[in-house]
N, C-alpha and C. Protein backbone atom coordinates (compact mmCIF):
# COMPACT_ATOMS: atom_id res chain seq x y z
N MET A 1 -62.06 100.45 113.89
CA MET A 1 -60.65 101.15 114.22
C MET A 1 -59.77 100.53 114.39
N SER A 2 -58.62 100.77 113.90
CA SER A 2 -57.38 99.94 114.19
C SER A 2 -56.25 100.70 114.20
N LEU A 3 -54.91 100.28 114.73
CA LEU A 3 -54.17 100.85 114.92
C LEU A 3 -52.81 99.99 114.13
N SER A 4 -51.77 100.54 113.49
CA SER A 4 -51.23 99.69 112.65
C SER A 4 -49.65 100.24 112.86
N VAL A 5 -48.61 99.40 113.56
CA VAL A 5 -47.48 99.78 113.95
C VAL A 5 -46.10 99.28 113.15
N ASP A 6 -45.26 100.00 112.92
CA ASP A 6 -44.17 99.28 112.09
C ASP A 6 -42.95 100.09 112.36
N PHE A 7 -42.01 100.30 113.19
CA PHE A 7 -40.71 101.25 113.51
C PHE A 7 -39.68 100.58 113.95
N LYS A 8 -38.51 101.22 113.96
CA LYS A 8 -37.38 100.91 114.80
C LYS A 8 -36.79 102.15 115.20
N LEU A 9 -36.51 102.12 116.71
CA LEU A 9 -35.86 103.10 117.27
C LEU A 9 -34.50 102.63 118.09
N SER A 10 -33.71 103.25 118.01
CA SER A 10 -32.06 102.85 118.28
C SER A 10 -32.01 103.47 119.90
N LEU A 11 -31.90 102.77 120.82
CA LEU A 11 -31.77 103.04 122.30
C LEU A 11 -30.72 102.60 122.78
N PRO A 12 -29.96 103.24 123.70
CA PRO A 12 -28.34 102.85 124.31
C PRO A 12 -28.33 101.50 124.46
N ASP A 13 -29.18 100.58 125.06
CA ASP A 13 -28.85 99.07 125.27
C ASP A 13 -29.28 97.94 123.91
N PHE A 14 -30.17 98.48 123.24
CA PHE A 14 -31.01 97.79 122.37
C PHE A 14 -31.75 98.50 121.21
N ASP A 15 -32.00 98.05 120.46
CA ASP A 15 -32.83 98.57 119.09
C ASP A 15 -34.35 98.32 119.46
N LEU A 16 -35.44 99.26 119.52
CA LEU A 16 -36.69 98.90 119.86
C LEU A 16 -37.14 98.75 118.15
N LYS A 17 -37.55 97.58 117.93
CA LYS A 17 -37.95 97.44 116.37
C LYS A 17 -39.26 96.21 116.57
N VAL A 18 -40.47 96.98 116.32
CA VAL A 18 -41.55 96.27 116.38
C VAL A 18 -42.37 96.68 115.07
N ALA A 19 -43.22 95.36 115.14
CA ALA A 19 -44.44 95.71 114.15
C ALA A 19 -45.73 94.85 114.40
N PHE A 20 -46.69 95.50 114.67
CA PHE A 20 -47.79 94.91 114.96
C PHE A 20 -49.23 95.56 114.53
N ASP A 21 -50.32 95.09 114.75
CA ASP A 21 -51.43 95.76 114.79
C ASP A 21 -52.40 95.55 115.64
N ALA A 22 -53.04 96.59 116.17
CA ALA A 22 -53.87 96.60 117.61
C ALA A 22 -55.40 96.88 117.29
N PRO A 23 -56.27 96.09 117.22
CA PRO A 23 -57.49 96.20 116.60
C PRO A 23 -58.38 96.90 117.90
N THR A 24 -59.99 97.10 117.54
CA THR A 24 -60.59 97.46 118.67
C THR A 24 -60.30 96.36 119.69
N GLY A 25 -60.67 96.86 120.97
CA GLY A 25 -60.17 96.23 122.12
C GLY A 25 -59.06 96.66 122.84
N ILE A 26 -58.64 95.66 123.96
CA ILE A 26 -57.24 96.11 124.62
C ILE A 26 -56.25 95.26 124.06
N THR A 27 -55.31 96.18 123.72
CA THR A 27 -54.13 95.27 123.37
C THR A 27 -53.01 95.55 124.36
N ALA A 28 -52.84 94.27 125.08
CA ALA A 28 -51.97 94.27 126.15
C ALA A 28 -50.54 94.44 125.61
N LEU A 29 -49.64 95.06 126.20
CA LEU A 29 -48.13 94.97 125.79
C LEU A 29 -47.33 94.73 127.65
N SER A 30 -46.71 93.48 127.79
CA SER A 30 -46.10 92.86 128.62
C SER A 30 -44.59 92.82 128.49
N GLY A 31 -43.94 92.64 129.87
CA GLY A 31 -42.47 92.33 129.43
C GLY A 31 -41.85 92.91 130.86
N HIS A 32 -40.53 92.55 130.99
CA HIS A 32 -40.01 92.79 132.23
C HIS A 32 -39.51 94.31 131.79
N SER A 33 -38.95 94.97 133.06
CA SER A 33 -38.61 96.54 133.10
C SER A 33 -37.50 96.78 132.38
N GLY A 34 -37.74 97.39 131.29
CA GLY A 34 -36.41 98.10 130.40
C GLY A 34 -36.47 97.20 128.91
N ALA A 35 -37.68 96.62 129.11
CA ALA A 35 -37.97 95.93 127.85
C ALA A 35 -38.17 96.83 126.54
N GLY A 36 -38.65 98.33 126.93
CA GLY A 36 -39.30 99.20 125.87
C GLY A 36 -40.62 99.39 125.95
N LYS A 37 -41.20 98.98 126.63
CA LYS A 37 -42.84 99.23 126.52
C LYS A 37 -43.28 100.82 127.07
N THR A 38 -42.70 101.17 127.59
CA THR A 38 -43.02 102.81 127.74
C THR A 38 -42.64 103.52 126.73
N THR A 39 -41.46 103.34 126.09
CA THR A 39 -40.90 103.96 125.24
C THR A 39 -41.78 103.65 123.99
N LEU A 40 -42.47 102.61 123.81
CA LEU A 40 -42.97 102.30 122.58
C LEU A 40 -44.28 103.18 122.53
N ILE A 41 -44.92 103.05 123.80
CA ILE A 41 -46.03 103.96 123.60
C ILE A 41 -45.93 105.41 123.45
N ASN A 42 -44.77 105.80 124.03
CA ASN A 42 -44.57 107.26 123.94
C ASN A 42 -44.22 107.73 122.33
N VAL A 43 -43.56 106.30 121.78
CA VAL A 43 -43.53 106.65 120.20
C VAL A 43 -44.66 106.95 119.33
N LEU A 44 -45.67 106.16 119.99
CA LEU A 44 -47.13 106.15 119.61
C LEU A 44 -47.67 107.58 119.71
N ALA A 45 -47.61 107.94 121.08
CA ALA A 45 -48.26 109.29 121.50
C ALA A 45 -47.63 110.48 120.52
N GLY A 46 -46.43 110.33 120.17
CA GLY A 46 -45.74 111.58 119.54
C GLY A 46 -44.86 112.20 120.27
N LEU A 47 -44.39 111.44 121.52
CA LEU A 47 -43.41 112.12 122.62
C LEU A 47 -42.01 111.61 122.23
N VAL A 48 -41.77 110.56 121.31
CA VAL A 48 -40.52 110.11 121.19
C VAL A 48 -40.53 109.89 119.48
N THR A 49 -39.73 110.30 118.94
CA THR A 49 -39.95 110.13 117.24
C THR A 49 -38.72 109.08 116.96
N PRO A 50 -39.33 107.98 116.26
CA PRO A 50 -38.48 106.62 115.70
C PRO A 50 -37.38 107.11 114.79
N ASP A 51 -36.34 106.38 114.58
CA ASP A 51 -35.46 106.46 113.51
C ASP A 51 -36.08 106.31 112.06
N TYR A 52 -36.99 105.34 111.74
CA TYR A 52 -37.78 105.15 110.54
C TYR A 52 -39.08 104.01 111.00
N GLY A 53 -39.92 104.16 109.97
CA GLY A 53 -41.04 103.33 110.16
C GLY A 53 -42.44 104.14 109.82
N HIS A 54 -43.51 103.37 110.08
CA HIS A 54 -44.91 103.77 109.77
C HIS A 54 -45.75 103.62 110.97
N ILE A 55 -46.56 104.59 111.22
CA ILE A 55 -47.64 104.16 112.22
C ILE A 55 -49.12 105.00 111.58
N GLU A 56 -49.98 104.51 111.65
CA GLU A 56 -51.27 104.76 111.17
C GLU A 56 -52.21 104.46 111.84
N THR A 57 -53.64 105.03 111.99
CA THR A 57 -54.74 104.78 112.47
C THR A 57 -55.80 104.94 111.36
N ASP A 58 -56.41 103.62 111.24
CA ASP A 58 -57.47 103.72 110.02
C ASP A 58 -56.74 104.33 108.55
N GLY A 59 -55.64 104.25 108.08
CA GLY A 59 -55.50 105.00 106.94
C GLY A 59 -54.81 106.58 107.27
N ARG A 60 -55.09 106.87 108.87
CA ARG A 60 -54.66 108.10 109.00
C ARG A 60 -53.31 107.96 109.32
N VAL A 61 -52.12 108.71 108.53
CA VAL A 61 -50.98 108.49 108.76
C VAL A 61 -50.38 109.46 110.13
N LEU A 62 -49.68 108.91 111.36
CA LEU A 62 -49.46 109.77 112.26
C LEU A 62 -48.05 109.93 112.30
N PHE A 63 -47.06 108.69 111.57
CA PHE A 63 -45.82 109.04 111.55
C PHE A 63 -45.50 108.04 110.29
N SER A 64 -44.57 108.65 109.28
CA SER A 64 -44.14 107.95 108.36
C SER A 64 -42.55 108.63 107.98
N SER A 65 -41.44 107.77 108.11
CA SER A 65 -40.31 108.46 107.54
C SER A 65 -40.30 108.61 106.09
N ALA A 66 -40.94 107.34 105.41
CA ALA A 66 -40.99 107.45 103.76
C ALA A 66 -41.66 108.84 103.71
N LEU A 67 -42.89 109.19 104.04
CA LEU A 67 -43.62 110.42 103.68
C LEU A 67 -43.20 111.74 104.31
N LYS A 68 -42.57 111.53 105.28
CA LYS A 68 -41.87 112.72 106.14
C LYS A 68 -42.79 113.61 106.75
N VAL A 69 -43.98 112.37 107.29
CA VAL A 69 -44.81 113.12 108.20
C VAL A 69 -44.75 112.32 109.53
N ASN A 70 -45.01 113.26 110.86
CA ASN A 70 -44.53 113.26 112.12
C ASN A 70 -45.59 114.08 112.99
N LEU A 71 -46.74 113.71 113.14
CA LEU A 71 -47.67 114.66 113.51
C LEU A 71 -47.48 115.09 115.06
N LYS A 72 -47.64 115.92 115.51
CA LYS A 72 -47.64 116.23 116.71
C LYS A 72 -48.79 115.70 117.80
N PRO A 73 -48.01 115.58 119.10
CA PRO A 73 -48.86 114.58 120.08
C PRO A 73 -50.50 115.32 119.97
N GLU A 74 -50.53 116.59 119.72
CA GLU A 74 -52.10 116.76 120.11
C GLU A 74 -52.83 116.80 118.75
N GLN A 75 -51.92 116.59 117.84
CA GLN A 75 -52.49 116.28 116.18
C GLN A 75 -53.05 114.70 115.90
N ARG A 76 -52.70 114.02 116.93
CA ARG A 76 -52.53 112.34 116.99
C ARG A 76 -54.02 111.81 117.28
N HIS A 77 -54.77 112.97 117.88
CA HIS A 77 -56.25 112.03 118.61
C HIS A 77 -55.99 111.04 119.41
N ILE A 78 -54.92 111.21 120.47
CA ILE A 78 -54.62 109.98 121.26
C ILE A 78 -54.89 110.31 122.47
N GLY A 79 -55.61 109.32 123.38
CA GLY A 79 -55.85 109.81 124.87
C GLY A 79 -54.51 109.12 125.76
N TYR A 80 -54.11 109.78 126.63
CA TYR A 80 -53.07 108.97 127.33
C TYR A 80 -53.20 108.97 128.73
N ILE A 81 -53.27 107.80 129.44
CA ILE A 81 -53.44 107.73 130.74
C ILE A 81 -52.37 106.76 131.65
N PHE A 82 -51.72 107.86 132.21
CA PHE A 82 -50.34 107.76 132.95
C PHE A 82 -50.60 106.73 134.15
N GLN A 83 -49.47 106.25 134.51
CA GLN A 83 -49.35 105.88 135.81
C GLN A 83 -50.08 106.42 137.23
N ASP A 84 -49.73 107.62 137.02
CA ASP A 84 -50.05 108.54 138.37
C ASP A 84 -50.81 109.65 138.13
N ALA A 85 -51.76 109.52 137.15
CA ALA A 85 -52.98 109.96 136.87
C ALA A 85 -52.48 111.67 136.24
N ARG A 86 -51.57 112.14 136.88
CA ARG A 86 -50.83 113.57 136.13
C ARG A 86 -52.10 114.62 136.20
N LEU A 87 -52.87 114.73 136.97
CA LEU A 87 -53.84 115.78 136.84
C LEU A 87 -53.16 117.16 137.62
N PHE A 88 -53.64 118.21 136.93
CA PHE A 88 -53.22 119.69 137.15
C PHE A 88 -53.73 119.70 138.73
N PRO A 89 -52.56 120.07 139.60
CA PRO A 89 -52.94 119.91 141.14
C PRO A 89 -53.82 121.42 141.47
N HIS A 90 -53.65 122.23 140.66
CA HIS A 90 -54.07 123.59 141.17
C HIS A 90 -55.71 123.59 140.43
N LEU A 91 -55.86 122.86 139.52
CA LEU A 91 -57.63 122.83 138.82
C LEU A 91 -58.50 121.60 139.74
N THR A 92 -59.75 121.96 139.56
CA THR A 92 -60.95 121.33 140.32
C THR A 92 -60.79 119.91 139.42
N VAL A 93 -61.42 119.23 139.65
CA VAL A 93 -61.92 117.74 138.94
C VAL A 93 -62.23 118.14 137.48
N LEU A 94 -63.50 119.03 137.57
CA LEU A 94 -64.11 119.49 136.39
C LEU A 94 -63.47 120.25 135.45
N GLN A 95 -62.35 120.84 135.91
CA GLN A 95 -61.47 121.71 135.15
C GLN A 95 -60.51 120.74 134.45
N ASN A 96 -60.00 119.82 135.31
CA ASN A 96 -59.30 118.59 134.66
C ASN A 96 -59.82 117.89 133.65
N LEU A 97 -61.06 117.71 133.66
CA LEU A 97 -61.58 117.09 132.80
C LEU A 97 -62.05 117.81 131.45
N LYS A 98 -62.40 119.02 131.59
CA LYS A 98 -62.29 119.98 130.53
C LYS A 98 -61.03 120.13 129.65
N CYS A 99 -59.90 120.02 130.40
CA CYS A 99 -58.53 120.15 129.51
C CYS A 99 -58.62 118.98 128.65
N GLY A 100 -59.08 117.77 128.53
CA GLY A 100 -59.18 116.80 127.58
C GLY A 100 -59.56 117.46 126.55
N ARG A 101 -60.93 118.33 126.43
CA ARG A 101 -61.47 118.89 125.37
C ARG A 101 -60.64 120.06 124.88
N TRP A 102 -60.18 120.99 125.83
CA TRP A 102 -59.42 122.12 125.50
C TRP A 102 -58.28 121.88 124.67
N PHE A 103 -57.53 120.90 124.97
CA PHE A 103 -56.31 120.28 124.04
C PHE A 103 -56.84 120.05 122.98
N ARG A 104 -57.59 119.68 122.60
CA ARG A 104 -58.28 119.16 121.09
C ARG A 104 -59.24 120.39 120.45
N ARG A 105 -59.24 121.38 121.37
CA ARG A 105 -60.29 122.62 120.79
C ARG A 105 -61.38 121.87 120.39
N LEU A 106 -61.88 121.26 121.22
CA LEU A 106 -63.37 120.54 120.91
C LEU A 106 -64.12 121.73 121.91
N PRO A 107 -65.34 121.38 121.37
CA PRO A 107 -66.62 122.31 121.98
C PRO A 107 -66.82 121.67 123.75
N MET A 108 -66.91 122.71 124.59
CA MET A 108 -67.37 122.28 126.07
C MET A 108 -68.95 121.99 125.86
N ASN A 109 -69.04 120.86 125.57
CA ASN A 109 -70.64 120.49 125.36
C ASN A 109 -70.86 119.90 126.86
N PRO A 110 -72.02 120.49 127.45
CA PRO A 110 -72.28 120.09 128.95
C PRO A 110 -72.56 118.87 129.06
N SER A 111 -73.53 118.39 128.08
CA SER A 111 -74.07 116.83 127.82
C SER A 111 -73.11 115.67 127.94
N THR A 112 -71.85 116.26 126.90
CA THR A 112 -70.92 114.93 126.71
C THR A 112 -69.93 115.14 128.14
N ILE A 113 -69.75 116.04 128.82
CA ILE A 113 -69.18 116.20 129.94
C ILE A 113 -70.02 115.05 130.87
N GLU A 114 -71.10 115.58 131.07
CA GLU A 114 -72.05 114.94 131.82
C GLU A 114 -72.41 113.55 131.93
N GLU A 115 -72.37 113.02 130.61
CA GLU A 115 -72.19 111.61 130.14
C GLU A 115 -71.10 110.74 130.89
N ILE A 116 -70.10 111.48 130.67
CA ILE A 116 -68.66 110.82 131.15
C ILE A 116 -68.40 110.84 132.66
N VAL A 117 -68.98 112.15 133.17
CA VAL A 117 -68.89 112.10 134.66
C VAL A 117 -69.95 110.93 135.19
N THR A 118 -71.03 110.71 134.91
CA THR A 118 -71.83 109.93 135.35
C THR A 118 -71.42 108.24 135.07
N LEU A 119 -71.10 108.06 133.91
CA LEU A 119 -70.28 106.79 133.64
C LEU A 119 -69.46 106.51 134.50
N LEU A 120 -68.32 107.12 134.82
CA LEU A 120 -67.33 106.92 135.78
C LEU A 120 -67.66 107.14 137.33
N GLY A 121 -68.98 107.67 137.44
CA GLY A 121 -69.24 108.12 139.02
C GLY A 121 -68.28 108.94 139.44
N ILE A 122 -68.10 109.86 139.04
CA ILE A 122 -67.27 110.90 139.69
C ILE A 122 -68.10 112.46 139.76
N ASP A 123 -69.49 112.21 139.65
CA ASP A 123 -70.13 113.61 139.87
C ASP A 123 -69.72 114.12 141.24
N HIS A 124 -69.52 113.24 142.43
CA HIS A 124 -69.50 113.99 143.46
C HIS A 124 -68.24 114.58 144.11
N VAL A 125 -67.25 114.49 142.94
CA VAL A 125 -65.92 115.07 143.40
C VAL A 125 -65.53 116.19 142.41
N LEU A 126 -66.46 116.71 141.59
CA LEU A 126 -66.14 117.80 140.62
C LEU A 126 -65.52 118.92 141.03
N SER A 127 -66.06 119.45 142.22
CA SER A 127 -65.37 120.56 142.70
C SER A 127 -63.99 120.47 143.50
N ARG A 128 -63.66 119.12 143.78
CA ARG A 128 -62.52 119.07 144.42
C ARG A 128 -61.14 118.84 143.80
N ARG A 129 -60.08 119.20 144.42
CA ARG A 129 -58.78 118.94 143.65
C ARG A 129 -58.03 117.98 143.83
N PRO A 130 -57.04 117.57 143.20
CA PRO A 130 -56.45 116.36 143.12
C PRO A 130 -55.91 115.90 144.34
N SER A 131 -55.47 116.71 145.42
CA SER A 131 -55.05 116.32 146.69
C SER A 131 -56.10 115.74 147.38
N GLN A 132 -57.23 116.10 147.17
CA GLN A 132 -58.56 115.64 147.82
C GLN A 132 -59.24 114.39 147.54
N LEU A 133 -58.53 113.68 146.53
CA LEU A 133 -58.90 112.39 145.88
C LEU A 133 -58.12 111.23 146.39
N SER A 134 -58.98 110.21 146.29
CA SER A 134 -58.24 108.69 146.63
C SER A 134 -57.35 108.51 145.36
N GLY A 135 -56.70 107.52 145.08
CA GLY A 135 -56.05 107.05 144.10
C GLY A 135 -56.63 106.40 142.84
N GLY A 136 -57.79 105.96 143.63
CA GLY A 136 -58.94 105.37 142.83
C GLY A 136 -59.73 106.55 141.94
N GLU A 137 -60.00 107.47 142.70
CA GLU A 137 -60.61 108.65 141.96
C GLU A 137 -59.76 109.54 141.11
N LYS A 138 -58.69 109.44 141.43
CA LYS A 138 -57.85 110.29 140.41
C LYS A 138 -57.48 109.38 139.01
N GLN A 139 -57.47 108.16 139.24
CA GLN A 139 -57.73 107.42 137.96
C GLN A 139 -58.74 107.42 137.07
N ARG A 140 -59.71 107.42 137.65
CA ARG A 140 -61.33 107.69 137.15
C ARG A 140 -61.08 109.03 136.28
N VAL A 141 -60.57 109.85 136.92
CA VAL A 141 -60.75 111.51 136.40
C VAL A 141 -59.91 111.06 135.24
N ALA A 142 -58.47 110.60 135.47
CA ALA A 142 -57.68 110.52 133.85
C ALA A 142 -58.40 109.88 133.02
N ILE A 143 -59.19 108.78 133.25
CA ILE A 143 -59.87 108.26 132.26
C ILE A 143 -60.80 109.17 131.52
N GLY A 144 -61.70 109.90 132.45
CA GLY A 144 -62.63 110.70 131.87
C GLY A 144 -61.95 111.82 130.97
N ARG A 145 -60.82 112.23 131.38
CA ARG A 145 -60.35 113.38 130.77
C ARG A 145 -59.62 112.81 129.26
N ALA A 146 -59.10 111.58 129.21
CA ALA A 146 -58.75 110.77 128.08
C ALA A 146 -60.07 110.76 127.14
N LEU A 147 -61.24 110.12 127.74
CA LEU A 147 -62.34 109.81 127.05
C LEU A 147 -62.88 111.22 126.16
N LEU A 148 -62.88 112.36 127.10
CA LEU A 148 -63.36 113.56 126.58
C LEU A 148 -62.48 114.24 125.43
N SER A 149 -61.45 113.66 125.30
CA SER A 149 -60.75 114.30 124.26
C SER A 149 -60.95 113.75 122.80
N GLU A 150 -61.99 112.75 123.16
CA GLU A 150 -62.51 112.00 121.83
C GLU A 150 -61.52 111.56 121.09
N PRO A 151 -60.66 110.56 121.72
CA PRO A 151 -59.48 109.60 120.80
C PRO A 151 -60.10 108.86 119.87
N GLU A 152 -59.15 108.52 119.11
CA GLU A 152 -58.86 107.42 118.42
C GLU A 152 -58.30 106.33 118.85
N VAL A 153 -57.33 106.51 119.58
CA VAL A 153 -56.69 105.47 120.41
C VAL A 153 -56.51 105.91 121.78
N ILE A 154 -56.44 105.03 122.69
CA ILE A 154 -56.22 105.22 124.09
C ILE A 154 -55.13 104.36 124.30
N LEU A 155 -53.85 105.09 125.04
CA LEU A 155 -52.57 104.67 125.42
C LEU A 155 -52.81 104.57 127.19
N ALA A 156 -52.45 103.60 127.68
CA ALA A 156 -52.44 103.50 129.15
C ALA A 156 -51.07 102.43 129.73
N ASP A 157 -50.38 103.52 130.51
CA ASP A 157 -49.12 102.86 130.76
C ASP A 157 -49.17 102.61 132.26
N GLU A 158 -49.19 101.34 132.27
CA GLU A 158 -49.36 100.41 133.93
C GLU A 158 -50.28 101.66 134.57
N PRO A 159 -51.29 101.91 134.18
CA PRO A 159 -52.66 102.75 134.86
C PRO A 159 -52.77 102.37 136.53
N LEU A 160 -52.48 101.11 136.83
CA LEU A 160 -52.69 100.68 138.09
C LEU A 160 -51.65 100.31 139.04
N SER A 161 -50.53 100.52 138.12
CA SER A 161 -49.39 99.95 139.20
C SER A 161 -49.23 100.79 140.66
N SER A 162 -49.60 102.06 140.46
CA SER A 162 -49.54 102.80 141.86
C SER A 162 -50.79 102.57 142.88
N LEU A 163 -51.66 101.55 142.70
CA LEU A 163 -52.85 101.67 143.48
C LEU A 163 -52.72 100.16 144.04
N ASP A 164 -53.27 100.51 145.43
CA ASP A 164 -53.59 99.03 146.02
C ASP A 164 -54.28 98.14 145.63
N SER A 165 -54.73 97.05 146.12
CA SER A 165 -55.23 95.72 145.55
C SER A 165 -56.93 96.18 145.48
N ASP A 166 -57.26 97.00 146.70
CA ASP A 166 -58.76 97.30 146.41
C ASP A 166 -58.97 98.45 145.49
N ARG A 167 -58.08 99.50 145.47
CA ARG A 167 -58.22 100.62 144.47
C ARG A 167 -58.33 99.79 142.81
N LYS A 168 -57.23 98.78 142.89
CA LYS A 168 -57.41 98.26 141.50
C LYS A 168 -58.54 97.49 140.96
N LYS A 169 -59.06 96.90 142.31
CA LYS A 169 -60.43 96.20 141.98
C LYS A 169 -61.68 97.25 141.44
N GLU A 170 -61.21 98.65 142.04
CA GLU A 170 -62.24 99.34 141.90
C GLU A 170 -62.05 99.92 140.31
N ILE A 171 -60.75 100.10 139.67
CA ILE A 171 -60.80 100.51 138.36
C ILE A 171 -60.87 99.64 137.19
N LEU A 172 -60.38 98.50 137.52
CA LEU A 172 -60.61 97.12 136.66
C LEU A 172 -62.02 97.24 135.95
N PRO A 173 -62.84 97.34 136.32
CA PRO A 173 -64.45 97.20 135.44
C PRO A 173 -64.39 98.49 134.85
N TYR A 174 -63.77 99.83 135.14
CA TYR A 174 -63.80 100.92 134.26
C TYR A 174 -63.17 100.66 132.87
N PHE A 175 -61.82 99.63 132.79
CA PHE A 175 -61.00 99.42 131.56
C PHE A 175 -61.62 98.49 130.75
N GLU A 176 -62.67 97.48 131.58
CA GLU A 176 -63.45 96.45 130.98
C GLU A 176 -64.52 97.18 130.34
N MET A 177 -65.16 98.22 130.92
CA MET A 177 -65.94 98.93 130.02
C MET A 177 -65.44 99.56 128.92
N LEU A 178 -64.37 100.53 129.00
CA LEU A 178 -63.58 100.92 128.07
C LEU A 178 -63.62 99.71 126.63
N ARG A 179 -63.05 98.47 127.00
CA ARG A 179 -62.98 97.59 126.00
C ARG A 179 -64.08 97.16 125.36
N ASP A 180 -65.22 97.19 126.24
CA ASP A 180 -66.46 96.47 125.43
C ASP A 180 -67.29 97.31 124.90
N GLN A 181 -67.23 98.97 125.27
CA GLN A 181 -68.11 99.76 124.65
C GLN A 181 -67.60 100.76 123.89
N MET A 182 -66.34 100.88 123.84
CA MET A 182 -65.34 101.92 122.90
C MET A 182 -65.07 101.01 121.80
N SER A 183 -65.15 101.60 120.52
CA SER A 183 -64.90 100.91 119.15
C SER A 183 -63.37 101.62 118.78
N ILE A 184 -62.74 101.44 119.92
CA ILE A 184 -61.31 101.89 119.35
C ILE A 184 -60.27 101.00 120.03
N PRO A 185 -58.95 101.15 119.52
CA PRO A 185 -57.98 100.47 120.20
C PRO A 185 -57.46 100.87 121.25
N ILE A 186 -57.08 100.25 122.56
CA ILE A 186 -56.67 100.31 123.55
C ILE A 186 -55.29 99.90 123.28
N VAL A 187 -54.12 100.64 123.68
CA VAL A 187 -52.77 100.01 123.94
C VAL A 187 -52.54 100.09 125.45
N TYR A 188 -52.49 98.96 126.17
CA TYR A 188 -52.38 98.89 127.68
C TYR A 188 -51.10 97.82 128.16
N VAL A 189 -50.26 98.99 129.01
CA VAL A 189 -48.95 98.56 129.12
C VAL A 189 -49.03 97.97 130.54
N SER A 190 -48.60 96.66 130.96
CA SER A 190 -48.84 96.23 132.29
C SER A 190 -47.80 94.94 132.58
N HIS A 191 -47.47 94.72 133.75
CA HIS A 191 -46.44 93.62 133.98
C HIS A 191 -47.27 92.53 134.81
N ASP A 192 -48.51 92.88 135.09
CA ASP A 192 -49.22 92.00 135.97
C ASP A 192 -50.08 90.93 135.34
N ALA A 193 -49.83 89.93 135.31
CA ALA A 193 -50.25 88.84 134.55
C ALA A 193 -52.06 88.69 134.76
N ASP A 194 -52.43 89.08 135.99
CA ASP A 194 -53.80 88.79 136.33
C ASP A 194 -54.50 89.75 135.27
N GLU A 195 -54.04 91.31 135.36
CA GLU A 195 -54.66 92.25 134.98
C GLU A 195 -54.57 91.99 133.21
N VAL A 196 -53.33 91.28 132.72
CA VAL A 196 -53.58 91.08 131.20
C VAL A 196 -54.78 89.86 130.86
N THR A 197 -54.50 88.92 131.84
CA THR A 197 -55.38 87.98 131.47
C THR A 197 -56.80 88.35 131.53
N ARG A 198 -57.14 89.26 132.67
CA ARG A 198 -58.53 89.88 132.84
C ARG A 198 -58.99 90.69 131.47
N LEU A 199 -58.03 91.44 130.97
CA LEU A 199 -58.54 92.55 130.21
C LEU A 199 -58.23 92.52 128.71
N ALA A 200 -57.11 91.75 128.38
CA ALA A 200 -56.50 91.65 126.91
C ALA A 200 -57.35 91.01 125.87
N THR A 201 -57.85 91.65 124.86
CA THR A 201 -58.17 90.96 123.64
C THR A 201 -57.11 90.46 122.80
N THR A 202 -55.96 91.11 123.03
CA THR A 202 -54.81 90.87 122.06
C THR A 202 -53.77 90.94 123.14
N HIS A 203 -52.54 90.25 123.11
CA HIS A 203 -51.44 90.47 124.12
C HIS A 203 -50.13 90.02 123.51
N PHE A 204 -49.23 91.09 123.39
CA PHE A 204 -47.83 90.95 123.17
C PHE A 204 -46.92 91.06 123.98
N GLU A 205 -45.91 90.32 124.08
CA GLU A 205 -44.75 90.30 124.88
C GLU A 205 -43.61 90.80 124.33
N LEU A 206 -43.25 91.69 125.14
CA LEU A 206 -42.09 92.34 124.42
C LEU A 206 -40.80 92.04 125.15
N ALA A 207 -39.56 91.95 124.74
CA ALA A 207 -38.13 91.56 125.44
C ALA A 207 -37.06 92.20 124.61
N HIS A 208 -36.26 92.84 125.19
CA HIS A 208 -35.20 93.51 124.33
C HIS A 208 -35.48 94.44 123.50
N GLY A 209 -36.75 94.83 123.27
CA GLY A 209 -37.15 95.59 122.24
C GLY A 209 -37.74 95.26 120.98
N LYS A 210 -38.09 93.53 121.18
CA LYS A 210 -38.62 93.17 120.14
C LYS A 210 -40.15 92.18 120.82
N ILE A 211 -40.94 91.98 119.85
CA ILE A 211 -42.03 91.29 120.23
C ILE A 211 -41.57 89.93 120.05
N HIS A 212 -41.67 88.84 121.14
CA HIS A 212 -41.50 87.52 121.07
C HIS A 212 -42.65 86.75 121.34
N SER A 213 -43.78 87.10 121.60
CA SER A 213 -44.93 86.14 121.47
C SER A 213 -45.90 87.15 121.27
N GLN A 214 -47.07 86.38 121.05
CA GLN A 214 -48.57 87.19 121.00
C GLN A 214 -49.73 85.92 121.13
N SER A 215 -50.82 86.70 121.95
CA SER A 215 -51.97 85.70 121.76
C SER A 215 -53.33 86.58 121.43
N SER A 216 -54.18 86.05 121.31
CA SER A 216 -55.55 86.53 121.21
C SER A 216 -56.69 85.90 121.56
N ASP A 217 -57.68 86.38 122.02
CA ASP A 217 -58.66 85.80 122.83
C ASP A 217 -59.75 85.18 121.53
N SER A 218 -59.28 85.66 120.52
CA SER A 218 -60.26 84.86 119.01
C SER A 218 -59.44 83.70 118.84
């Protein structure tokens, strides 16, 4: 599985103009605040529409100005992990997890849910609401919700930035697990050099809307 990106979007301060391929593994996007990182992944998610370009996953077109294709977010088969988890406060953990499948209209397969719950070690919090969870637990639930949507791509927008150092140490192994066990591209936004070094299989640095450097562990 791979993600191919080539688009331009005019912003008030600069043009976001990028072209890159994200293979299986973690493609880290770093850069200073205001470089365009979050806007870039919001374009991939279908939350922002570029002026022109082409985005596809293994030949499945998500956006194409030439072909006049612009799939809605729920049609893109993308799991999005936000900075602040964004769990529904009135729902239990189990109900939040099921939302990942409900939005994709996937069957509520108990064995699939149990597998993800066990993998992330959140079986003891299924009946709790988000207000009763630690920051690390919330992010594990957010990861589980994304996985249960059976995504073709995962987007993670600085998912550890709101956590203290102990909670970061708790969550980092789960992203390593996603990198090593999931055969899908993961686009991971971070300004933390240690996170990028530890997690990234491919790394792009974004500055003023353009990719200025890249590296790969291969």
